[in-house]
Amino acid sequence: MAMANEDGNRRQAIATAITAELERQGKHGIDVDALAEAVELALDPAPPASEGKRPGELNATNDD
């Protein structure tokens, strides 16, 4: 069941990105590259800025 929910969330993210980009472009014609970029961002969003580093990514010299 979790996999179906993830697919539904992904599909919704794609639909939202396409809708937003089409509304943004509205009367100016469709820029397919910008649309592809919007979908790409929806599929692989940047991590939140406040996420920080994982313990394995830290460079601590006092771990002796």
PDB file of N, CA and C in Angstrom:
ATOM      1  N   MET A   1       0.804  -1.199   0.000  1.00  0.00           N
ATOM      2  CA  MET A   1       0.000   0.000   0.000  1.00  0.00           C
ATOM      3  C   MET A   1       0.845   1.261   0.000  1.00  0.00           C
ATOM      4  N   ALA A   2       1.964   1.241   0.720  1.00  0.00           N
ATOM      5  CA  ALA A   2       2.811   2.426   0.796  1.00  0.00           C
ATOM      6  C   ALA A   2       3.342   2.812  -0.576  1.00  0.00           C
ATOM      7  N   MET A   3       3.655   1.810  -1.403  1.00  0.00           N
ATOM      8  CA  MET A   3       4.189   2.087  -2.729  1.00  0.00           C
ATOM      9  C   MET A   3       3.144   2.793  -3.592  1.00  0.00           C
ATOM     10  N   ALA A   4       1.889   2.369  -3.505  1.00  0.00           N
ATOM     11  CA  ALA A   4       0.825   3.007  -4.273  1.00  0.00           C
ATOM     12  C   ALA A   4       0.656   4.457  -3.842  1.00  0.00           C
ATOM     13  N   ASN A   5       0.776   4.727  -2.546  1.00  0.00           N
ATOM     14  CA  ASN A   5       0.654   6.086  -2.034  1.00  0.00           C
ATOM     15  C   ASN A   5       1.808   6.951  -2.537  1.00  0.00           C
ATOM     16  N   GLU A   6       3.014   6.388  -2.565  1.00  0.00           N
ATOM     17  CA  GLU A   6       4.172   7.131  -3.066  1.00  0.00           C
ATOM     18  C   GLU A   6       3.993   7.459  -4.542  1.00  0.00           C
ATOM     19  N   ASP A   7       3.480   6.500  -5.333  1.00  0.00           N
ATOM     20  CA  ASP A   7       3.234   6.745  -6.752  1.00  0.00           C
ATOM     21  C   ASP A   7       2.181   7.837  -6.927  1.00  0.00           C
ATOM     22  N   GLY A   8       1.145   7.805  -6.075  1.00  0.00           N
ATOM     23  CA  GLY A   8       0.110   8.827  -6.140  1.00  0.00           C
ATOM     24  C   GLY A   8       0.661  10.200  -5.786  1.00  0.00           C
ATOM     25  N   ASN A   9       1.544  10.256  -4.783  1.00  0.00           N
ATOM     26  CA  ASN A   9       2.160  11.531  -4.402  1.00  0.00           C
ATOM     27  C   ASN A   9       3.046  12.053  -5.521  1.00  0.00           C
ATOM     28  N   ARG A  10       3.807  11.149  -6.141  1.00  0.00           N
ATOM     29  CA  ARG A  10       4.682  11.557  -7.248  1.00  0.00           C
ATOM     30  C   ARG A  10       3.848  12.072  -8.419  1.00  0.00           C
ATOM     31  N   ARG A  11       2.788  11.337  -8.736  1.00  0.00           N
ATOM     32  CA  ARG A  11       1.919  11.756  -9.841  1.00  0.00           C
ATOM     33  C   ARG A  11       1.287  13.114  -9.543  1.00  0.00           C
ATOM     34  N   GLN A  12       0.884  13.338  -8.297  1.00  0.00           N
ATOM     35  CA  GLN A  12       0.302  14.625  -7.913  1.00  0.00           C
ATOM     36  C   GLN A  12       1.334  15.737  -8.014  1.00  0.00           C
ATOM     37  N   ALA A  13       2.578  15.451  -7.617  1.00  0.00           N
ATOM     38  CA  ALA A  13       3.643  16.446  -7.725  1.00  0.00           C
ATOM     39  C   ALA A  13       3.888  16.816  -9.185  1.00  0.00           C
ATOM     40  N   ILE A  14       3.854  15.826 -10.073  1.00  0.00           N
ATOM     41  CA  ILE A  14       4.039  16.092 -11.503  1.00  0.00           C
ATOM     42  C   ILE A  14       2.881  16.934 -12.025  1.00  0.00           C
ATOM     43  N   ALA A  15       1.667  16.550 -11.673  1.00  0.00           N
ATOM     44  CA  ALA A  15       0.492  17.287 -12.135  1.00  0.00           C
ATOM     45  C   ALA A  15       0.522  18.732 -11.642  1.00  0.00           C
ATOM     46  N   THR A  16       0.916  18.916 -10.397  1.00  0.00           N
ATOM     47  CA  THR A  16       0.993  20.269  -9.836  1.00  0.00           C
ATOM     48  C   THR A  16       2.049  21.100 -10.554  1.00  0.00           C
ATOM     49  N   ALA A  17       3.202  20.501 -10.826  1.00  0.00           N
ATOM     50  CA  ALA A  17       4.274  21.219 -11.518  1.00  0.00           C
ATOM     51  C   ALA A  17       3.854  21.605 -12.929  1.00  0.00           C
ATOM     52  N   ILE A  18       3.207  20.688 -13.637  1.00  0.00           N
ATOM     53  CA  ILE A  18       2.755  20.979 -15.001  1.00  0.00           C
ATOM     54  C   ILE A  18       1.702  22.078 -14.979  1.00  0.00           C
ATOM     55  N   THR A  19       0.750  21.975 -14.071  1.00  0.00           N
ATOM     56  CA  THR A  19      -0.304  22.986 -13.970  1.00  0.00           C
ATOM     57  C   THR A  19       0.278  24.366 -13.682  1.00  0.00           C
ATOM     58  N   ALA A  20       1.171  24.433 -12.709  1.00  0.00           N
ATOM     59  CA  ALA A  20       1.770  25.723 -12.342  1.00  0.00           C
ATOM     60  C   ALA A  20       2.560  26.316 -13.500  1.00  0.00           C
ATOM     61  N   GLU A  21       3.307  25.482 -14.204  1.00  0.00           N
ATOM     62  CA  GLU A  21       4.117  25.987 -15.315  1.00  0.00           C
ATOM     63  C   GLU A  21       3.247  26.428 -16.482  1.00  0.00           C
ATOM     64  N   LEU A  22       2.193  25.694 -16.767  1.00  0.00           N
ATOM     65  CA  LEU A  22       1.282  26.097 -17.846  1.00  0.00           C
ATOM     66  C   LEU A  22       0.562  27.396 -17.497  1.00  0.00           C
ATOM     67  N   GLU A  23       0.161  27.551 -16.234  1.00  0.00           N
ATOM     68  CA  GLU A  23      -0.474  28.803 -15.813  1.00  0.00           C
ATOM     69  C   GLU A  23       0.511  29.965 -15.905  1.00  0.00           C
ATOM     70  N   ARG A  24       1.770  29.720 -15.529  1.00  0.00           N
ATOM     71  CA  ARG A  24       2.789  30.771 -15.578  1.00  0.00           C
ATOM     72  C   ARG A  24       3.023  31.225 -17.017  1.00  0.00           C
ATOM     73  N   GLN A  25       3.044  30.268 -17.931  1.00  0.00           N
ATOM     74  CA  GLN A  25       3.332  30.600 -19.318  1.00  0.00           C
ATOM     75  C   GLN A  25       2.110  31.149 -20.042  1.00  0.00           C
ATOM     76  N   GLY A  26       0.933  30.792 -19.531  1.00  0.00           N
ATOM     77  CA  GLY A  26      -0.350  31.281 -20.006  1.00  0.00           C
ATOM     78  C   GLY A  26      -0.437  31.693 -21.459  1.00  0.00           C
ATOM     79  N   LYS A  27      -0.405  32.973 -21.693  1.00  0.00           N
ATOM     80  CA  LYS A  27      -0.661  33.535 -23.011  1.00  0.00           C
ATOM     81  C   LYS A  27       0.596  33.685 -23.851  1.00  0.00           C
ATOM     82  N   HIS A  28       1.725  33.301 -23.332  1.00  0.00           N
ATOM     83  CA  HIS A  28       2.981  33.531 -24.037  1.00  0.00           C
ATOM     84  C   HIS A  28       3.458  32.321 -24.824  1.00  0.00           C
ATOM     85  N   GLY A  29       2.688  31.266 -24.870  1.00  0.00           N
ATOM     86  CA  GLY A  29       3.118  30.041 -25.543  1.00  0.00           C
ATOM     87  C   GLY A  29       3.789  29.108 -24.560  1.00  0.00           C
ATOM     88  N   ILE A  30       4.047  27.917 -25.000  1.00  0.00           N
ATOM     89  CA  ILE A  30       4.596  26.897 -24.118  1.00  0.00           C
ATOM     90  C   ILE A  30       6.090  26.754 -24.356  1.00  0.00           C
ATOM     91  N   ASP A  31       6.856  26.895 -23.295  1.00  0.00           N
ATOM     92  CA  ASP A  31       8.301  26.673 -23.317  1.00  0.00           C
ATOM     93  C   ASP A  31       8.536  25.258 -22.791  1.00  0.00           C
ATOM     94  N   VAL A  32       8.772  24.340 -23.703  1.00  0.00           N
ATOM     95  CA  VAL A  32       8.886  22.933 -23.334  1.00  0.00           C
ATOM     96  C   VAL A  32      10.066  22.700 -22.397  1.00  0.00           C
ATOM     97  N   ASP A  33      11.166  23.411 -22.582  1.00  0.00           N
ATOM     98  CA  ASP A  33      12.325  23.250 -21.706  1.00  0.00           C
ATOM     99  C   ASP A  33      11.999  23.667 -20.274  1.00  0.00           C
ATOM    100  N   ALA A  34      11.288  24.772 -20.115  1.00  0.00           N
ATOM    101  CA  ALA A  34      10.903  25.217 -18.767  1.00  0.00           C
ATOM    102  C   ALA A  34       9.930  24.228 -18.145  1.00  0.00           C
ATOM    103  N   LEU A  35       9.044  23.675 -18.935  1.00  0.00           N
ATOM    104  CA  LEU A  35       8.105  22.682 -18.439  1.00  0.00           C
ATOM    105  C   LEU A  35       8.857  21.432 -17.979  1.00  0.00           C
ATOM    106  N   ALA A  36       9.821  20.988 -18.770  1.00  0.00           N
ATOM    107  CA  ALA A  36      10.629  19.824 -18.396  1.00  0.00           C
ATOM    108  C   ALA A  36      11.410  20.092 -17.111  1.00  0.00           C
ATOM    109  N   GLU A  37      11.918  21.300 -16.963  1.00  0.00           N
ATOM    110  CA  GLU A  37      12.657  21.660 -15.747  1.00  0.00           C
ATOM    111  C   GLU A  37      11.739  21.642 -14.523  1.00  0.00           C
ATOM    112  N   ALA A  38      10.522  22.132 -14.677  1.00  0.00           N
ATOM    113  CA  ALA A  38       9.566  22.134 -13.575  1.00  0.00           C
ATOM    114  C   ALA A  38       9.224  20.708 -13.151  1.00  0.00           C
ATOM    115  N   VAL A  39       9.062  19.811 -14.121  1.00  0.00           N
ATOM    116  CA  VAL A  39       8.771  18.414 -13.810  1.00  0.00           C
ATOM    117  C   VAL A  39       9.978  17.763 -13.149  1.00  0.00           C
ATOM    118  N   GLU A  40      11.171  18.046 -13.656  1.00  0.00           N
ATOM    119  CA  GLU A  40      12.392  17.487 -13.073  1.00  0.00           C
ATOM    120  C   GLU A  40      12.536  17.907 -11.613  1.00  0.00           C
ATOM    121  N   LEU A  41      12.263  19.164 -11.322  1.00  0.00           N
ATOM    122  CA  LEU A  41      12.351  19.657  -9.949  1.00  0.00           C
ATOM    123  C   LEU A  41      11.323  18.966  -9.057  1.00  0.00           C
ATOM    124  N   ALA A  42      10.138  18.725  -9.593  1.00  0.00           N
ATOM    125  CA  ALA A  42       9.108  18.040  -8.819  1.00  0.00           C
ATOM    126  C   ALA A  42       9.499  16.591  -8.535  1.00  0.00           C
ATOM    127  N   LEU A  43      10.204  15.976  -9.468  1.00  0.00           N
ATOM    128  CA  LEU A  43      10.614  14.587  -9.284  1.00  0.00           C
ATOM    129  C   LEU A  43      11.789  14.451  -8.333  1.00  0.00           C
ATOM    130  N   ASP A  44      12.672  15.441  -8.330  1.00  0.00           N
ATOM    131  CA  ASP A  44      13.873  15.367  -7.496  1.00  0.00           C
ATOM    132  C   ASP A  44      14.093  16.721  -6.829  1.00  0.00           C
ATOM    133  N   PRO A  45      13.256  17.050  -5.843  1.00  0.00           N
ATOM    134  CA  PRO A  45      13.373  18.370  -5.212  1.00  0.00           C
ATOM    135  C   PRO A  45      14.659  18.513  -4.408  1.00  0.00           C
ATOM    136  N   ALA A  46      15.118  19.733  -4.275  1.00  0.00           N
ATOM    137  CA  ALA A  46      16.296  20.015  -3.456  1.00  0.00           C
ATOM    138  C   ALA A  46      15.950  19.765  -1.994  1.00  0.00           C
ATOM    139  N   PRO A  47      16.897  19.275  -1.208  1.00  0.00           N
ATOM    140  CA  PRO A  47      16.611  19.045   0.214  1.00  0.00           C
ATOM    141  C   PRO A  47      16.398  20.371   0.938  1.00  0.00           C
ATOM    142  N   PRO A  48      15.663  20.360   2.020  1.00  0.00           N
ATOM    143  CA  PRO A  48      15.448  21.597   2.782  1.00  0.00           C
ATOM    144  C   PRO A  48      16.778  22.167   3.280  1.00  0.00           C
ATOM    145  N   ALA A  49      16.870  23.465   3.306  1.00  0.00           N
ATOM    146  CA  ALA A  49      18.111  24.129   3.709  1.00  0.00           C
ATOM    147  C   ALA A  49      18.459  23.831   5.167  1.00  0.00           C
ATOM    148  N   SER A  50      17.477  23.581   5.991  1.00  0.00           N
ATOM    149  CA  SER A  50      17.737  23.377   7.409  1.00  0.00           C
ATOM    150  C   SER A  50      18.029  21.918   7.766  1.00  0.00           C
ATOM    151  N   GLU A  51      18.146  21.072   6.770  1.00  0.00           N
ATOM    152  CA  GLU A  51      18.331  19.657   7.040  1.00  0.00           C
ATOM    153  C   GLU A  51      19.675  19.356   7.694  1.00  0.00           C
ATOM    154  N   GLY A  52      20.707  20.089   7.334  1.00  0.00           N
ATOM    155  CA  GLY A  52      22.017  19.869   7.941  1.00  0.00           C
ATOM    156  C   GLY A  52      22.723  18.658   7.370  1.00  0.00           C
ATOM    157  N   LYS A  53      23.729  18.193   8.074  1.00  0.00           N
ATOM    158  CA  LYS A  53      24.522  17.058   7.612  1.00  0.00           C
ATOM    159  C   LYS A  53      24.195  15.821   8.429  1.00  0.00           C
ATOM    160  N   ARG A  54      24.405  14.695   7.797  1.00  0.00           N
ATOM    161  CA  ARG A  54      24.256  13.413   8.491  1.00  0.00           C
ATOM    162  C   ARG A  54      25.548  13.140   9.241  1.00  0.00           C
ATOM    163  N   PRO A  55      25.509  12.321  10.273  1.00  0.00           N
ATOM    164  CA  PRO A  55      26.723  12.063  11.061  1.00  0.00           C
ATOM    165  C   PRO A  55      27.903  11.596  10.219  1.00  0.00           C
ATOM    166  N   GLY A  56      27.658  10.795   9.206  1.00  0.00           N
ATOM    167  CA  GLY A  56      28.745  10.308   8.366  1.00  0.00           C
ATOM    168  C   GLY A  56      29.378  11.383   7.504  1.00  0.00           C
ATOM    169  N   GLU A  57      28.700  12.502   7.328  1.00  0.00           N
ATOM    170  CA  GLU A  57      29.210  13.598   6.505  1.00  0.00           C
ATOM    171  C   GLU A  57      30.026  14.607   7.308  1.00  0.00           C
ATOM    172  N   LEU A  58      30.032  14.468   8.618  1.00  0.00           N
ATOM    173  CA  LEU A  58      30.767  15.403   9.466  1.00  0.00           C
ATOM    174  C   LEU A  58      32.258  15.069   9.433  1.00  0.00           C
ATOM    175  N   ASN A  59      33.078  16.081   9.573  1.00  0.00           N
ATOM    176  CA  ASN A  59      34.512  15.910   9.552  1.00  0.00           C
ATOM    177  C   ASN A  59      35.061  16.263  10.948  1.00  0.00           C
ATOM    178  N   ALA A  60      34.761  15.399  11.902  1.00  0.00           N
ATOM    179  CA  ALA A  60      35.202  15.655  13.277  1.00  0.00           C
ATOM    180  C   ALA A  60      36.548  14.979  13.524  1.00  0.00           C
ATOM    181  N   THR A  61      37.478  15.722  14.062  1.00  0.00           N
ATOM    182  CA  THR A  61      38.804  15.164  14.345  1.00  0.00           C
ATOM    183  C   THR A  61      38.932  14.673  15.779  1.00  0.00           C
ATOM    184  N   ASN A  62      37.899  14.875  16.578  1.00  0.00           N
ATOM    185  CA  ASN A  62      37.975  14.449  17.980  1.00  0.00           C
ATOM    186  C   ASN A  62      37.202  13.160  18.235  1.00  0.00           C
ATOM    187  N   ASP A  63      37.109  12.305  17.234  1.00  0.00           N
ATOM    188  CA  ASP A  63      36.378  11.042  17.360  1.00  0.00           C
ATOM    189  C   ASP A  63      37.263   9.899  17.851  1.00  0.00           C
ATOM    190  N   ASP A  64      38.414  10.186  18.393  1.00  0.00           N
ATOM    191  CA  ASP A  64      39.354   9.130  18.804  1.00  0.00           C
ATOM    192  C   ASP A  64      38.844   8.315  19.940  1.00  0.00           C
TER     193      ASP A  64
END
